[in-house]
């Protein structure tokens, strides 16, 4: 498989994961925008990181969201959600990674 299909599937999975995270953490964007990443990192650890080796990617998305992977969540993201939260994403990357190593937390 080449790069484009891999990136496309990653975007599809990511949109479905964030859709479920928003359902489970209703004020997700407010918290991350204010620099509070604990609810998101806790949710990711419980729902994604601890489950990742148990399932293949498609099954993991189904376990997380209750649905097989589908394009609806990706199409449903607004430009503001995608681009308006880039600063929060960059801050999260800074919090989670130092020198290429995942920080414990």
Protein backbone atom coordinates (compact mmCIF):
# COMPACT_ATOMS: atom_id res chain seq x y z
CA UNK A 1 0.00 0.00 0.00
CA UNK A 2 1.33 3.44 -0.90
CA UNK A 3 1.36 6.58 1.17
CA UNK A 4 -1.89 8.16 -0.04
CA UNK A 5 -4.15 5.24 0.97
CA UNK A 6 -2.39 5.04 4.34
CA UNK A 7 -2.88 8.75 5.00
CA UNK A 8 -6.48 8.58 3.80
CA UNK A 9 -7.29 5.72 6.17
CA UNK A 10 -5.52 7.50 9.03
CA UNK A 11 -7.62 10.60 8.43
CA UNK A 12 -10.78 8.51 8.27
CA UNK A 13 -9.94 6.70 11.51
CA UNK A 14 -8.85 9.92 13.22
CA UNK A 15 -12.11 11.67 12.38
CA UNK A 16 -14.14 8.79 13.81
CA UNK A 17 -11.98 8.70 16.94
CA UNK A 18 -12.30 12.45 17.53
CA UNK A 19 -16.05 12.26 16.91
CA UNK A 20 -16.36 9.70 19.72
CA UNK A 21 -14.01 11.65 21.98
CA UNK A 22 -16.22 14.75 21.51
CA UNK A 23 -19.27 12.70 22.52
CA UNK A 24 -17.52 11.37 25.61
CA UNK A 25 -15.86 14.72 26.51
CA UNK A 26 -18.45 17.37 25.55
CA UNK A 27 -16.17 20.35 26.29
CA UNK A 28 -13.15 18.78 24.58
CA UNK A 29 -12.25 21.75 22.39
CA UNK A 30 -12.67 24.24 25.22
CA UNK A 31 -10.37 22.20 27.45
CA UNK A 32 -7.67 21.62 24.83
CA UNK A 33 -7.91 25.24 23.69
CA UNK A 34 -7.21 26.30 27.27
CA UNK A 35 -4.21 23.96 27.45
CA UNK A 36 -5.92 21.23 29.51
CA UNK A 37 -5.06 17.99 27.71
CA UNK A 38 -5.62 15.61 30.63
CA UNK A 39 -9.20 14.63 29.67
CA UNK A 40 -8.12 13.88 26.10
CA UNK A 41 -4.93 12.01 27.00
CA UNK A 42 -6.84 9.99 29.62
CA UNK A 43 -9.54 9.15 27.07
CA UNK A 44 -6.97 8.21 24.41
CA UNK A 45 -5.04 6.01 26.81
CA UNK A 46 -8.18 4.14 27.88
CA UNK A 47 -9.88 3.85 24.50
CA UNK A 48 -7.04 3.73 21.98
CA UNK A 49 -3.59 3.11 23.45
CA UNK A 50 -4.55 0.27 25.79
CA UNK A 51 -6.72 -1.37 23.11
CA UNK A 52 -4.49 -0.95 20.06
CA UNK A 53 -2.68 -4.27 20.17
CA UNK A 54 -5.87 -6.23 20.78
CA UNK A 55 -7.52 -5.30 17.49
CA UNK A 56 -6.65 -4.53 13.91
CA UNK A 57 -7.32 -0.88 13.00
CA UNK A 58 -10.79 -1.44 11.54
CA UNK A 59 -11.97 -3.43 14.56
CA UNK A 60 -10.45 -0.88 16.96
CA UNK A 61 -12.51 1.90 15.36
CA UNK A 62 -15.61 -0.28 15.67
CA UNK A 63 -14.87 -0.99 19.35
CA UNK A 64 -14.27 2.72 20.07
CA UNK A 65 -17.25 4.14 18.19
CA UNK A 66 -19.67 1.23 17.91
CA UNK A 67 -19.55 1.50 14.10
CA UNK A 68 -17.33 0.19 11.35
CA UNK A 69 -15.04 2.85 9.80
CA UNK A 70 -17.01 5.17 7.55
CA UNK A 71 -16.48 8.55 5.89
CA UNK A 72 -19.34 10.42 7.59
CA UNK A 73 -17.31 11.75 10.54
CA UNK A 74 -14.56 12.97 8.20
CA UNK A 75 -17.06 14.83 6.03
CA UNK A 76 -18.74 16.21 9.14
CA UNK A 77 -15.66 18.04 10.44
CA UNK A 78 -15.82 21.77 9.83
CA UNK A 79 -12.88 23.80 8.62
CA UNK A 80 -12.78 25.44 12.04
CA UNK A 81 -12.47 22.05 13.73
CA UNK A 82 -9.71 20.99 11.38
CA UNK A 83 -7.72 24.22 11.15
CA UNK A 84 -8.97 26.20 14.15
CA UNK A 85 -7.50 23.74 16.61
CA UNK A 86 -4.06 23.40 15.08
CA UNK A 87 -2.53 25.42 17.90
CA UNK A 88 -4.05 23.05 20.45
CA UNK A 89 -2.76 20.08 18.45
CA UNK A 90 0.75 21.56 18.31
CA UNK A 91 0.63 22.18 22.06
CA UNK A 92 -0.51 18.59 22.64
CA UNK A 93 2.37 17.30 20.55
CA UNK A 94 4.76 19.38 22.62
CA UNK A 95 3.25 18.03 25.84
CA UNK A 96 3.32 14.40 24.67
CA UNK A 97 6.68 14.28 22.91
CA UNK A 98 10.13 15.42 23.96
CA UNK A 99 13.09 14.64 21.75
CA UNK A 100 11.08 12.03 19.84
CA UNK A 101 10.26 10.08 23.01
CA UNK A 102 6.77 9.70 24.41
CA UNK A 103 6.56 11.20 27.86
CA UNK A 104 5.13 9.10 30.63
CA UNK A 105 1.96 10.52 32.11
